[in-house]
C-alpha atoms as a PDB file:
ATOM      1  CA  MET A   1     -48.477  -0.566  -8.222  1.00  0.00           C
ATOM      2  CA  SER A   2     -44.602   0.229  -8.353  1.00  0.00           C
ATOM      3  CA  LYS A   3     -42.598   1.257 -10.850  1.00  0.00           C
ATOM      4  CA  ARG A   4     -40.105  -1.202 -12.739  1.00  0.00           C
ATOM      5  CA  ILE A   5     -36.936  -0.194 -13.508  1.00  0.00           C
ATOM      6  CA  LEU A   6     -34.072  -2.507 -15.202  1.00  0.00           C
ATOM      7  CA  ILE A   7     -30.757  -1.233 -14.109  1.00  0.00           C
ATOM      8  CA  THR A   8     -27.717  -3.048 -16.229  1.00  0.00           C
ATOM      9  CA  GLY A   9     -24.375  -3.275 -14.732  1.00  0.00           C
ATOM     10  CA  GLY A  10     -26.137  -3.723 -11.141  1.00  0.00           C
ATOM     11  CA  ALA A  11     -23.568  -5.103  -9.524  1.00  0.00           C
ATOM     12  CA  GLY A  12     -20.974  -2.703 -10.311  1.00  0.00           C
ATOM     13  CA  PHE A  13     -19.910  -0.235  -7.960  1.00  0.00           C
ATOM     14  CA  LEU A  14     -22.383   3.046  -9.220  1.00  0.00           C
ATOM     15  CA  GLY A  15     -25.025   0.125 -10.616  1.00  0.00           C
ATOM     16  CA  SER A  16     -25.270  -1.407  -6.949  1.00  0.00           C
ATOM     17  CA  HIS A  17     -25.476   2.176  -5.037  1.00  0.00           C
ATOM     18  CA  LEU A  18     -28.426   2.860  -8.174  1.00  0.00           C
ATOM     19  CA  CYS A  19     -30.287  -0.348  -7.027  1.00  0.00           C
ATOM     20  CA  ASP A  20     -30.020   0.614  -3.287  1.00  0.00           C
ATOM     21  CA  ARG A  21     -31.547   3.878  -3.846  1.00  0.00           C
ATOM     22  CA  PHE A  22     -34.538   2.736  -5.801  1.00  0.00           C
ATOM     23  CA  ILE A  23     -35.065   0.529  -3.859  1.00  0.00           C
ATOM     24  CA  LYS A  24     -35.459   2.834  -0.671  1.00  0.00           C
ATOM     25  CA  GLU A  25     -37.599   4.967  -3.487  1.00  0.00           C
ATOM     26  CA  GLY A  26     -39.877   2.162  -3.697  1.00  0.00           C
ATOM     27  CA  TYR A  27     -39.093   0.915  -7.106  1.00  0.00           C
ATOM     28  CA  GLU A  28     -39.228  -2.891  -8.060  1.00  0.00           C
ATOM     29  CA  VAL A  29     -35.369  -3.432  -8.998  1.00  0.00           C
ATOM     30  CA  ILE A  30     -34.208  -5.914 -11.647  1.00  0.00           C
ATOM     31  CA  ALA A  31     -30.300  -5.837 -11.883  1.00  0.00           C
ATOM     32  CA  MET A  32     -28.106  -7.537 -14.775  1.00  0.00           C
ATOM     33  CA  ASP A  33     -24.735  -8.383 -14.601  1.00  0.00           C
ATOM     34  CA  ASN A  34     -22.602 -10.859 -16.110  1.00  0.00           C
ATOM     35  CA  LEU A  35     -19.796  -9.819 -13.421  1.00  0.00           C
ATOM     36  CA  ILE A  36     -16.708  -9.524 -15.649  1.00  0.00           C
ATOM     37  CA  THR A  37     -16.076  -6.803 -13.259  1.00  0.00           C
ATOM     38  CA  GLY A  38     -19.320  -6.197 -11.272  1.00  0.00           C
ATOM     39  CA  ASP A  39     -18.881  -7.987  -7.960  1.00  0.00           C
ATOM     40  CA  VAL A  40     -22.289  -9.656  -6.477  1.00  0.00           C
ATOM     41  CA  ARG A  41     -21.075  -8.861  -3.070  1.00  0.00           C
ATOM     42  CA  ASN A  42     -22.307  -5.451  -3.762  1.00  0.00           C
ATOM     43  CA  ILE A  43     -25.938  -6.496  -4.099  1.00  0.00           C
ATOM     44  CA  GLU A  44     -26.303  -9.754  -2.029  1.00  0.00           C
ATOM     45  CA  HIS A  45     -27.609  -7.693   0.614  1.00  0.00           C
ATOM     46  CA  LEU A  46     -30.905  -6.877  -1.384  1.00  0.00           C
ATOM     47  CA  PHE A  47     -31.438 -11.044  -2.591  1.00  0.00           C
ATOM     48  CA  PRO A  48     -33.996 -11.718   0.551  1.00  0.00           C
ATOM     49  CA  LEU A  49     -35.898  -8.652  -0.981  1.00  0.00           C
ATOM     50  CA  LYS A  50     -38.902  -9.251  -2.790  1.00  0.00           C
ATOM     51  CA  GLU A  51     -38.500  -6.152  -4.467  1.00  0.00           C
ATOM     52  CA  PHE A  52     -35.197  -7.152  -6.321  1.00  0.00           C
ATOM     53  CA  THR A  53     -34.421  -9.611  -9.089  1.00  0.00           C
ATOM     54  CA  PHE A  54     -30.887  -9.919 -10.089  1.00  0.00           C
ATOM     55  CA  TYR A  55     -30.104 -11.705 -13.134  1.00  0.00           C
ATOM     56  CA  ASN A  56     -26.484 -12.847 -14.526  1.00  0.00           C
ATOM     57  CA  HIS A  57     -26.907 -12.202 -17.919  1.00  0.00           C
ATOM     58  CA  ASP A  58     -24.255 -10.787 -20.663  1.00  0.00           C
ATOM     59  CA  ILE A  59     -26.586  -7.768 -22.351  1.00  0.00           C
ATOM     60  CA  THR A  60     -24.300  -8.358 -25.973  1.00  0.00           C
ATOM     61  CA  LYS A  61     -27.030 -11.187 -26.380  1.00  0.00           C
ATOM     62  CA  PHE A  62     -30.360 -10.974 -26.386  1.00  0.00           C
ATOM     63  CA  ILE A  63     -32.491  -9.658 -23.364  1.00  0.00           C
ATOM     64  CA  HIS A  64     -35.277 -11.032 -22.161  1.00  0.00           C
ATOM     65  CA  VAL A  65     -37.206 -10.044 -18.988  1.00  0.00           C
ATOM     66  CA  PRO A  66     -40.841 -10.825 -18.746  1.00  0.00           C
ATOM     67  CA  GLY A  67     -43.284  -8.227 -17.618  1.00  0.00           C
ATOM     68  CA  GLN A  68     -43.444  -4.527 -17.855  1.00  0.00           C
ATOM     69  CA  ILE A  69     -40.524  -2.287 -17.264  1.00  0.00           C
ATOM     70  CA  ASP A  70     -40.799   1.618 -17.341  1.00  0.00           C
ATOM     71  CA  TYR A  71     -37.153   2.343 -16.633  1.00  0.00           C
ATOM     72  CA  ILE A  72     -33.781   1.059 -18.002  1.00  0.00           C
ATOM     73  CA  LEU A  73     -30.637   2.645 -16.582  1.00  0.00           C
ATOM     74  CA  HIS A  74     -27.880   1.253 -18.681  1.00  0.00           C
ATOM     75  CA  PHE A  75     -24.686   0.969 -16.669  1.00  0.00           C
ATOM     76  CA  ALA A  76     -22.928  -1.964 -18.162  1.00  0.00           C
ATOM     77  CA  SER A  77     -19.623  -0.533 -19.395  1.00  0.00           C
ATOM     78  CA  PRO A  78     -16.492  -1.224 -17.457  1.00  0.00           C
ATOM     79  CA  ALA A  79     -15.900   1.940 -16.059  1.00  0.00           C
ATOM     80  CA  SER A  80     -11.534   1.985 -15.898  1.00  0.00           C
ATOM     81  CA  PRO A  81      -8.887   2.540 -18.185  1.00  0.00           C
ATOM     82  CA  ILE A  82      -7.353  -0.379 -16.711  1.00  0.00           C
ATOM     83  CA  ASP A  83     -10.452  -2.681 -17.583  1.00  0.00           C
ATOM     84  CA  TYR A  84     -10.535  -1.191 -20.963  1.00  0.00           C
ATOM     85  CA  LEU A  85      -7.083  -2.491 -21.915  1.00  0.00           C
ATOM     86  CA  LYS A  86      -7.666  -5.984 -20.094  1.00  0.00           C
ATOM     87  CA  ILE A  87     -10.873  -6.779 -21.992  1.00  0.00           C
ATOM     88  CA  PRO A  88     -11.278  -4.275 -24.962  1.00  0.00           C
ATOM     89  CA  ILE A  89     -13.467  -6.453 -27.270  1.00  0.00           C
ATOM     90  CA  GLN A  90     -15.806  -6.625 -24.522  1.00  0.00           C
ATOM     91  CA  THR A  91     -16.040  -3.070 -23.552  1.00  0.00           C
ATOM     92  CA  LEU A  92     -16.659  -2.225 -27.216  1.00  0.00           C
ATOM     93  CA  LYS A  93     -19.119  -4.969 -27.624  1.00  0.00           C
ATOM     94  CA  VAL A  94     -21.308  -3.783 -24.434  1.00  0.00           C
ATOM     95  CA  GLY A  95     -21.102  -0.480 -25.391  1.00  0.00           C
ATOM     96  CA  ALA A  96     -22.313  -1.231 -28.937  1.00  0.00           C
ATOM     97  CA  MET A  97     -23.838  -4.549 -29.042  1.00  0.00           C
ATOM     98  CA  GLY A  98     -25.625  -4.003 -25.224  1.00  0.00           C
ATOM     99  CA  THR A  99     -26.747  -0.647 -26.247  1.00  0.00           C
ATOM    100  CA  HIS A 100     -28.563  -1.676 -28.722  1.00  0.00           C
ATOM    101  CA  ASN A 101     -30.197  -4.649 -27.289  1.00  0.00           C
ATOM    102  CA  CYS A 102     -30.954  -2.437 -24.210  1.00  0.00           C
ATOM    103  CA  LEU A 103     -32.751   0.003 -26.648  1.00  0.00           C
ATOM    104  CA  GLY A 104     -34.464  -3.181 -28.562  1.00  0.00           C
ATOM    105  CA  LEU A 105     -36.204  -3.867 -25.188  1.00  0.00           C
ATOM    106  CA  ALA A 106     -36.923  -0.332 -24.066  1.00  0.00           C
ATOM    107  CA  LYS A 107     -38.861   0.083 -27.218  1.00  0.00           C
ATOM    108  CA  ALA A 108     -40.634  -3.483 -26.787  1.00  0.00           C
ATOM    109  CA  LYS A 109     -41.528  -2.188 -23.113  1.00  0.00           C
ATOM    110  CA  GLY A 110     -42.444   1.158 -23.891  1.00  0.00           C
ATOM    111  CA  ALA A 111     -39.626   2.194 -21.404  1.00  0.00           C
ATOM    112  CA  ARG A 112     -37.342   5.254 -21.086  1.00  0.00           C
ATOM    113  CA  MET A 113     -33.887   4.555 -20.996  1.00  0.00           C
ATOM    114  CA  LEU A 114     -30.415   6.607 -19.711  1.00  0.00           C
ATOM    115  CA  ILE A 115     -27.483   5.139 -21.112  1.00  0.00           C
ATOM    116  CA  ALA A 116     -23.645   6.427 -19.363  1.00  0.00           C
ATOM    117  CA  SER A 117     -21.012   4.059 -21.010  1.00  0.00           C
ATOM    118  CA  THR A 118     -17.779   4.908 -19.662  1.00  0.00           C
ATOM    119  CA  SER A 119     -16.004   7.163 -16.771  1.00  0.00           C
ATOM    120  CA  GLU A 120     -15.342   9.798 -19.504  1.00  0.00           C
ATOM    121  CA  VAL A 121     -18.970  10.403 -18.953  1.00  0.00           C
ATOM    122  CA  TYR A 122     -19.619  11.045 -15.198  1.00  0.00           C
ATOM    123  CA  GLY A 123     -16.057  10.361 -13.600  1.00  0.00           C
ATOM    124  CA  ASP A 124     -14.286   7.419 -12.483  1.00  0.00           C
ATOM    125  CA  THR A 125     -15.989   5.617  -9.578  1.00  0.00           C
ATOM    126  CA  ARG A 126     -12.953   4.054  -8.483  1.00  0.00           C
ATOM    127  CA  PHE A 127     -12.334   7.553  -6.884  1.00  0.00           C
ATOM    128  CA  ASP A 128     -15.795   6.900  -4.790  1.00  0.00           C
ATOM    129  CA  ARG A 129     -15.064   3.124  -4.511  1.00  0.00           C
ATOM    130  CA  VAL A 130     -11.680   3.927  -1.795  1.00  0.00           C
ATOM    131  CA  LYS A 131     -13.231   6.873  -0.531  1.00  0.00           C
ATOM    132  CA  GLU A 132     -16.360   4.856   0.622  1.00  0.00           C
ATOM    133  CA  ILE A 133     -13.526   2.261   2.057  1.00  0.00           C
ATOM    134  CA  GLU A 134     -11.857   4.730   4.051  1.00  0.00           C
ATOM    135  CA  GLY A 135     -15.141   6.327   5.404  1.00  0.00           C
ATOM    136  CA  ASN A 136     -16.069   2.646   6.693  1.00  0.00           C
ATOM    137  CA  PHE A 137     -12.846   1.710   7.904  1.00  0.00           C
ATOM    138  CA  LEU A 138     -12.416  -1.435  10.602  1.00  0.00           C
ATOM    139  CA  ARG A 139      -9.456  -2.536  12.299  1.00  0.00           C
ATOM    140  CA  ILE A 140      -7.679  -5.079  11.315  1.00  0.00           C
ATOM    141  CA  GLU A 141      -6.072  -7.495  14.177  1.00  0.00           C
ATOM    142  CA  PHE A 142      -2.512  -7.561  15.258  1.00  0.00           C
ATOM    143  CA  ILE A 143      -1.634  -4.716  12.643  1.00  0.00           C
ATOM    144  CA  SER A 144      -0.943  -2.306  15.520  1.00  0.00           C
ATOM    145  CA  GLU A 145       1.080  -5.065  17.725  1.00  0.00           C
ATOM    146  CA  PHE A 146       3.284  -5.719  14.576  1.00  0.00           C
ATOM    147  CA  ILE A 147       4.368  -2.564  14.051  1.00  0.00           C
ATOM    148  CA  GLY A 148       4.832  -1.204  17.803  1.00  0.00           C
ATOM    149  CA  ASN A 149       6.596   2.135  17.134  1.00  0.00           C
ATOM    150  CA  ASN A 150       8.532   1.727  14.399  1.00  0.00           C
ATOM    151  CA  LYS A 151       8.207   2.857  10.785  1.00  0.00           C
ATOM    152  CA  VAL A 152       6.401   0.988   8.343  1.00  0.00           C
ATOM    153  CA  VAL A 153       6.064   0.378   4.639  1.00  0.00           C
ATOM    154  CA  VAL A 154       2.965  -1.622   3.556  1.00  0.00           C
ATOM    155  CA  ALA A 155       3.580  -3.236   0.286  1.00  0.00           C
ATOM    156  CA  GLY A 156       0.817  -4.588  -1.383  1.00  0.00           C
ATOM    157  CA  SER A 157       0.028  -6.932  -4.784  1.00  0.00           C
ATOM    158  CA  THR A 158       3.352  -7.438  -5.005  1.00  0.00           C
ATOM    159  CA  TRP A 159       5.282  -9.766  -7.749  1.00  0.00           C
ATOM    160  CA  GLU A 160       8.888 -11.214  -7.554  1.00  0.00           C
ATOM    161  CA  ASP A 161      10.370  -8.337  -9.040  1.00  0.00           C
ATOM    162  CA  ASP A 162       8.991  -6.034  -6.635  1.00  0.00           C
ATOM    163  CA  GLU A 163       9.848  -8.089  -3.395  1.00  0.00           C
ATOM    164  CA  HIS A 164      13.622  -8.664  -4.811  1.00  0.00           C
ATOM    165  CA  LEU A 165      13.867  -5.412  -4.595  1.00  0.00           C
ATOM    166  CA  LEU A 166      12.046  -4.611  -1.615  1.00  0.00           C
ATOM    167  CA  ALA A 167      14.222  -7.022   0.004  1.00  0.00           C
ATOM    168  CA  SER A 168      17.372  -5.561  -0.720  1.00  0.00           C
ATOM    169  CA  TYR A 169      16.373  -2.738   1.014  1.00  0.00           C
ATOM    170  CA  PHE A 170      15.053  -4.226   4.498  1.00  0.00           C
ATOM    171  CA  LYS A 171      18.288  -6.111   4.642  1.00  0.00           C
ATOM    172  CA  LYS A 172      20.048  -3.124   5.280  1.00  0.00           C
ATOM    173  CA  HIS A 173      17.372  -1.562   7.233  1.00  0.00           C
ATOM    174  CA  PRO A 174      16.127  -3.492  10.087  1.00  0.00           C
ATOM    175  CA  GLU A 175      15.219  -1.430  12.047  1.00  0.00           C
ATOM    176  CA  LEU A 176      12.132  -0.816   9.843  1.00  0.00           C
ATOM    177  CA  LYS A 177       9.073  -3.206   9.605  1.00  0.00           C
ATOM    178  CA  LEU A 178       7.350  -4.146   6.180  1.00  0.00           C
ATOM    179  CA  ILE A 179       3.971  -5.672   5.512  1.00  0.00           C
ATOM    180  CA  LEU A 180       3.646  -7.458   2.376  1.00  0.00           C
ATOM    181  CA  THR A 181       0.508  -8.505   0.562  1.00  0.00           C
ATOM    182  CA  PRO A 182       1.423 -10.528  -2.389  1.00  0.00           C
ATOM    183  CA  HIS A 183      -0.794 -10.763  -5.668  1.00  0.00           C
ATOM    184  CA  GLU A 184      -0.216 -14.439  -5.561  1.00  0.00           C
ATOM    185  CA  ILE A 185      -1.143 -16.377  -2.673  1.00  0.00           C
ATOM    186  CA  ASN A 186       0.004 -19.705  -3.550  1.00  0.00           C
ATOM    187  CA  GLN A 187       2.605 -22.103  -1.285  1.00  0.00           C
ATOM    188  CA  ARG A 188       5.251 -21.849  -3.747  1.00  0.00           C
ATOM    189  CA  HIS A 189       5.318 -17.760  -3.899  1.00  0.00           C
ATOM    190  CA  ILE A 190       4.847 -17.648  -0.260  1.00  0.00           C
ATOM    191  CA  SER A 191       7.825 -19.777   0.026  1.00  0.00           C
ATOM    192  CA  SER A 192       9.785 -17.718  -2.198  1.00  0.00           C
ATOM    193  CA  ILE A 193       9.090 -14.678  -0.036  1.00  0.00           C
ATOM    194  CA  LYS A 194      10.154 -16.115   3.208  1.00  0.00           C
ATOM    195  CA  ASN A 195      13.654 -17.243   1.552  1.00  0.00           C
ATOM    196  CA  SER A 196      14.020 -13.687   0.398  1.00  0.00           C
ATOM    197  CA  PHE A 197      12.647 -12.263   4.308  1.00  0.00           C
ATOM    198  CA  PRO A 198      14.185 -14.604   6.695  1.00  0.00           C
ATOM    199  CA  ARG A 199      13.079 -12.585   9.421  1.00  0.00           C
ATOM    200  CA  CYS A 200       9.034 -12.886   8.815  1.00  0.00           C
ATOM    201  CA  VAL A 201       5.987 -14.198  10.057  1.00  0.00           C
ATOM    202  CA  LEU A 202       2.543 -15.120   8.120  1.00  0.00           C
ATOM    203  CA  TYR A 203      -0.328 -12.896   8.953  1.00  0.00           C
ATOM    204  CA  SER A 204      -2.410 -16.766   9.660  1.00  0.00           C
ATOM    205  CA  GLU A 205       0.279 -18.035  11.887  1.00  0.00           C
ATOM    206  CA  TYR A 206       0.683 -14.499  14.027  1.00  0.00           C
ATOM    207  CA  MET A 207      -1.298 -15.369  16.850  1.00  0.00           C
ATOM    208  CA  ILE A 208       0.974 -18.562  17.704  1.00  0.00           C
ATOM    209  CA  ALA A 209       4.026 -17.681  16.267  1.00  0.00           C
ATOM    210  CA  ILE A 210       6.954 -17.934  19.082  1.00  0.00           C
ATOM    211  CA  ASN A 211       9.389 -15.662  16.993  1.00  0.00           C
ATOM    212  CA  LYS A 212       6.767 -12.823  16.174  1.00  0.00           C
ATOM    213  CA  GLU A 213       8.458  -9.982  18.482  1.00  0.00           C
ATOM    214  CA  GLY A 214      11.403 -10.626  16.499  1.00  0.00           C
ATOM    215  CA  SER A 215      10.053 -10.137  12.999  1.00  0.00           C
ATOM    216  CA  GLN A 216      10.576  -7.667  10.874  1.00  0.00           C
ATOM    217  CA  VAL A 217       8.114  -8.817   7.984  1.00  0.00           C
ATOM    218  CA  LEU A 218       4.637  -9.910   8.063  1.00  0.00           C
ATOM    219  CA  ILE A 219       3.334 -11.427   5.217  1.00  0.00           C
ATOM    220  CA  ILE A 220      -0.567 -11.269   4.397  1.00  0.00           C
ATOM    221  CA  ASP A 221      -1.479 -14.877   3.205  1.00  0.00           C
ATOM    222  CA  SER A 222      -5.289 -13.616   3.670  1.00  0.00           C
ATOM    223  CA  VAL A 223      -7.735 -11.933   1.150  1.00  0.00           C
ATOM    224  CA  GLY A 224      -9.506  -8.730   1.339  1.00  0.00           C
ATOM    225  CA  LEU A 225      -7.608  -7.053   3.859  1.00  0.00           C
ATOM    226  CA  LEU A 226      -5.343  -4.766   1.578  1.00  0.00           C
ATOM    227  CA  SER A 227      -7.237  -1.642   1.159  1.00  0.00           C
ATOM    228  CA  ARG A 228      -7.472  -1.419   4.977  1.00  0.00           C
ATOM    229  CA  LEU A 229      -4.010  -2.258   5.274  1.00  0.00           C
ATOM    230  CA  TYR A 230      -2.285   1.097   3.712  1.00  0.00           C
ATOM    231  CA  ASN A 231      -3.836   2.833   6.640  1.00  0.00           C
ATOM    232  CA  TYR A 232      -1.112   1.616   9.082  1.00  0.00           C
ATOM    233  CA  ALA A 233       1.891   2.376   6.689  1.00  0.00           C
ATOM    234  CA  THR A 234       4.309   5.342   6.542  1.00  0.00           C
ATOM    235  CA  VAL A 235       5.220   4.917   3.212  1.00  0.00           C
ATOM    236  CA  THR A 236       2.806   2.352   0.498  1.00  0.00           C
ATOM    237  CA  TYR A 237       4.133   0.619  -2.187  1.00  0.00           C
ATOM    238  CA  VAL A 238       1.810  -1.002  -4.778  1.00  0.00           C
ATOM    239  CA  GLY A 239       3.418  -4.049  -6.875  1.00  0.00           C
ATOM    240  CA  GLY A 240       2.772  -4.716 -10.613  1.00  0.00           C
ATOM    241  CA  GLY A 241       4.813  -1.716 -11.906  1.00  0.00           C
ATOM    242  CA  PHE A 242       7.746  -4.464 -13.132  1.00  0.00           C
ATOM    243  CA  THR A 243       5.072  -6.575 -15.176  1.00  0.00           C
ATOM    244  CA  LYS A 244       4.157  -6.217 -18.627  1.00  0.00           C
ATOM    245  CA  ASP A 245       0.305  -5.524 -17.300  1.00  0.00           C
ATOM    246  CA  GLY A 246       1.696  -2.544 -15.341  1.00  0.00           C
ATOM    247  CA  VAL A 247       1.192  -1.152 -11.691  1.00  0.00           C
ATOM    248  CA  HIS A 248      -1.830  -2.278  -9.693  1.00  0.00           C
ATOM    249  CA  ASN A 249      -4.704   0.088  -7.994  1.00  0.00           C
ATOM    250  CA  VAL A 250      -2.769   3.150  -6.809  1.00  0.00           C
ATOM    251  CA  LEU A 251      -5.610   4.973  -5.739  1.00  0.00           C
ATOM    252  CA  GLU A 252      -5.997   2.384  -2.604  1.00  0.00           C
ATOM    253  CA  ALA A 253      -2.965   3.840  -0.804  1.00  0.00           C
ATOM    254  CA  ALA A 254      -3.679   7.325  -1.608  1.00  0.00           C
ATOM    255  CA  VAL A 255      -6.834   7.391   0.104  1.00  0.00           C
ATOM    256  CA  TRP A 256      -5.129   7.181   3.376  1.00  0.00           C
ATOM    257  CA  GLY A 257      -2.995  10.123   2.630  1.00  0.00           C
ATOM    258  CA  LYS A 258       0.448   8.140   2.281  1.00  0.00           C
ATOM    259  CA  PRO A 259       3.352   8.319   0.328  1.00  0.00           C
ATOM    260  CA  VAL A 260       2.917   6.259  -2.763  1.00  0.00           C
ATOM    261  CA  ILE A 261       5.830   4.189  -4.661  1.00  0.00           C
ATOM    262  CA  PHE A 262       5.667   1.962  -7.567  1.00  0.00           C
ATOM    263  CA  GLY A 263       7.610   0.493 -10.103  1.00  0.00           C
ATOM    264  CA  PRO A 264       8.502   1.343 -13.897  1.00  0.00           C
ATOM    265  CA  ASN A 265       5.583   0.346 -15.689  1.00  0.00           C
ATOM    266  CA  TYR A 266       3.011   2.589 -14.982  1.00  0.00           C
ATOM    267  CA  LYS A 267       2.670   5.107 -17.772  1.00  0.00           C
ATOM    268  CA  LYS A 268      -0.854   3.760 -19.611  1.00  0.00           C
ATOM    269  CA  TYR A 269      -2.410   3.983 -16.228  1.00  0.00           C
ATOM    270  CA  ARG A 270      -4.012   7.616 -16.012  1.00  0.00           C
ATOM    271  CA  GLU A 271      -4.429   7.292 -12.331  1.00  0.00           C
ATOM    272  CA  ALA A 272      -0.772   6.637 -11.637  1.00  0.00           C
ATOM    273  CA  ARG A 273       0.481   9.338 -13.966  1.00  0.00           C
ATOM    274  CA  GLU A 274      -1.730  12.140 -12.603  1.00  0.00           C
ATOM    275  CA  LEU A 275      -0.539  11.097  -8.953  1.00  0.00           C
ATOM    276  CA  ILE A 276       3.089  11.173 -10.032  1.00  0.00           C
ATOM    277  CA  LYS A 277       2.515  14.691 -11.414  1.00  0.00           C
ATOM    278  CA  ALA A 278      -0.120  15.946  -8.299  1.00  0.00           C
ATOM    279  CA  GLY A 279       3.253  14.885  -6.098  1.00  0.00           C
ATOM    280  CA  GLY A 280       1.630  12.324  -3.957  1.00  0.00           C
ATOM    281  CA  GLY A 281       3.058   9.531  -5.757  1.00  0.00           C
ATOM    282  CA  PHE A 282       6.985   8.013  -7.251  1.00  0.00           C
ATOM    283  CA  SER A 283       8.175   5.593  -9.912  1.00  0.00           C
ATOM    284  CA  VAL A 284      11.868   3.574  -8.771  1.00  0.00           C
ATOM    285  CA  SER A 285      13.560   1.017 -11.389  1.00  0.00           C
ATOM    286  CA  THR A 286      16.500   0.468  -8.895  1.00  0.00           C
ATOM    287  CA  THR A 287      17.171  -0.835  -5.728  1.00  0.00           C
ATOM    288  CA  GLU A 288      19.265   2.658  -5.173  1.00  0.00           C
ATOM    289  CA  GLU A 289      16.160   4.848  -6.408  1.00  0.00           C
ATOM    290  CA  LEU A 290      13.914   2.782  -3.747  1.00  0.00           C
ATOM    291  CA  LYS A 291      16.534   3.840  -1.075  1.00  0.00           C
ATOM    292  CA  GLN A 292      17.332   7.248  -1.701  1.00  0.00           C
ATOM    293  CA  LEU A 293      13.280   7.661  -2.031  1.00  0.00           C
ATOM    294  CA  VAL A 294      12.410   5.772   0.836  1.00  0.00           C
ATOM    295  CA  ASP A 295      15.173   7.001   2.990  1.00  0.00           C
ATOM    296  CA  ASP A 296      14.263  10.478   2.202  1.00  0.00           C
ATOM    297  CA  LEU A 297      10.900   9.995   3.169  1.00  0.00           C
ATOM    298  CA  PHE A 298      11.364   8.393   6.626  1.00  0.00           C
ATOM    299  CA  THR A 299      13.755  10.859   7.869  1.00  0.00           C
ATOM    300  CA  ASN A 300      12.533  14.380   6.190  1.00  0.00           C
ATOM    301  CA  GLU A 301       9.177  14.435   7.940  1.00  0.00           C
ATOM    302  CA  SER A 302       8.075  17.998   6.235  1.00  0.00           C
ATOM    303  CA  ASN A 303       8.986  16.161   2.900  1.00  0.00           C
ATOM    304  CA  ARG A 304       6.979  13.198   3.994  1.00  0.00           C
ATOM    305  CA  GLN A 305       3.902  15.288   5.160  1.00  0.00           C
ATOM    306  CA  LYS A 306       4.013  17.322   2.212  1.00  0.00           C
ATOM    307  CA  THR A 307       3.550  14.058  -0.255  1.00  0.00           C
ATOM    308  CA  SER A 308       1.003  12.660   1.993  1.00  0.00           C
ATOM    309  CA  LYS A 309      -1.097  15.816   1.704  1.00  0.00           C
ATOM    310  CA  SER A 310      -0.824  15.927  -2.018  1.00  0.00           C
ATOM    311  CA  ALA A 311      -1.994  11.845  -2.022  1.00  0.00           C
ATOM    312  CA  LYS A 312      -5.014  12.716  -0.318  1.00  0.00           C
ATOM    313  CA  ALA A 313      -5.453  16.227  -2.291  1.00  0.00           C
ATOM    314  CA  TYR A 314      -5.640  14.046  -5.548  1.00  0.00           C
ATOM    315  CA  ILE A 315      -8.117  11.308  -4.595  1.00  0.00           C
ATOM    316  CA  GLU A 316     -10.069  14.273  -2.685  1.00  0.00           C
ATOM    317  CA  GLU A 317     -10.333  16.338  -6.379  1.00  0.00           C
ATOM    318  CA  ASN A 318     -11.570  13.172  -8.277  1.00  0.00           C
ATOM    319  CA  THR A 319     -14.091  12.115  -5.971  1.00  0.00           C
ATOM    320  CA  GLY A 320     -17.974  12.589  -6.489  1.00  0.00           C
ATOM    321  CA  ALA A 321     -19.167  10.342  -9.857  1.00  0.00           C
ATOM    322  CA  THR A 322     -21.450   8.664  -8.088  1.00  0.00           C
ATOM    323  CA  LYS A 323     -23.188  11.663  -6.725  1.00  0.00           C
ATOM    324  CA  LYS A 324     -22.588  13.684  -9.723  1.00  0.00           C
ATOM    325  CA  ILE A 325     -24.712  10.839 -11.865  1.00  0.00           C
ATOM    326  CA  ILE A 326     -27.524  10.686  -9.566  1.00  0.00           C
ATOM    327  CA  GLY A 327     -28.009  14.496  -9.050  1.00  0.00           C
ATOM    328  CA  MET A 328     -27.968  14.528 -12.713  1.00  0.00           C
ATOM    329  CA  ILE A 329     -30.823  11.648 -13.190  1.00  0.00           C
ATOM    330  CA  GLN A 330     -32.901  14.062 -10.909  1.00  0.00           C
ATOM    331  CA  ALA A 331     -32.323  17.489 -12.085  1.00  0.00           C
ATOM    332  CA  LYS A 332     -32.955  16.258 -15.568  1.00  0.00           C
ATOM    333  CA  ARG A 333     -36.030  14.411 -14.181  1.00  0.00           C
ATOM    334  CA  LEU A 334     -35.383  11.353 -16.161  1.00  0.00           C
ATOM    335  CA  LEU A 335     -37.134   9.109 -14.338  1.00  0.00           C
ATOM    336  CA  THR A 336     -40.111  10.939 -14.470  1.00  0.00           C
ATOM    337  CA  ASN A 337     -43.099  11.188 -17.063  1.00  0.00           C
END
C-alpha cells in the first residue's frame, strides 16, 4: 500500500514541485492550500491522477483528512517579503495556528511532520520560479516584428506615474521602441495610455492594425506575457515604484540579464535593494534622471553589458531553494521510518 503524504501550501511554487516529486516516487499525495498566494495552475495537471487529491482549505482552521497519513510537509506560509507586508496577519496565523493544527493532525494520525515556515529557512523560491520561466521560454508572436532592429524598453506592471515618466522620455526619442504592459488592463487605463502615447498600437489588434509600421509603442492588453516579454528588452522598467505599495517584481526582468529601472519606492523590498547593490538595478525619481540613465545605457555598450551581467549574476547567486529543501529532506531521511 502506498504511503500517504499531506503537503500544505501544495499549490505554491515549492509545494507544487514537491507534489510532482512524491507522485513520481509512488506516494499518494494530498495537497492543501487556500490559494491566498498559491496558484491552482501549478497543480492542475495532477487533478486527473487517482493518486492526487486537492483540498482548498485554510489550515488556520481545524484540519480534517480522512484515512491514514504517514507524513505531513507543512509549507503553507507566504514565502516572500512582499506577501509579508500585504498580508501580515494571515502570515502570522498560518505560522502559529496553522502549525498547531498540523501538529494536532500529525499526533492524531501518528504521522511524521516537517515544517519549513519562511524563506529565511531555505532561500527565496521566487528566484527559482523566474529561472524556471527563463528555462521554458516560448516565443511571443509579433514582438520581434514590432521591435525590428531598434533598441527597446520593456516596461512592466506600470501605473499612471510610471507612464507619465516614460511618455516624457519617448516623445523626445522617436527612434526608440517601447513595449508597455500596464498593471491594470481596463478601458479607462488603456484610453489614458493611448492619449499619452499617440504612436501606439494594441497587442490584441496588432495583426490587423493598418498603422503598425509607424508605431513606437506596443501596449500589451493581454495577461500572462510579461515575464517572457522582458527577454526582448534592451533595457527594462518595472512599475509600481511611485505607488505606496512599492515596486513590483524586479526578478522577472533581472533573470534575463537586462538592466532594471524602477521608481523611488523600493526600499522595503530586499530583492530591489540587493539588485541595486549588485549593480543590476537603478532607481529614478524624475524624468531627467530617467533620461540620463537610459541614454547612457543605450549609448554606452560596455556599461550596459556590465549592468546586464550583474543583474543575471544576482539571480544565479540566489537560486536553488527548491533543490536545497529537497536535498535536506533526503539527507536527513525525514520521510523514512
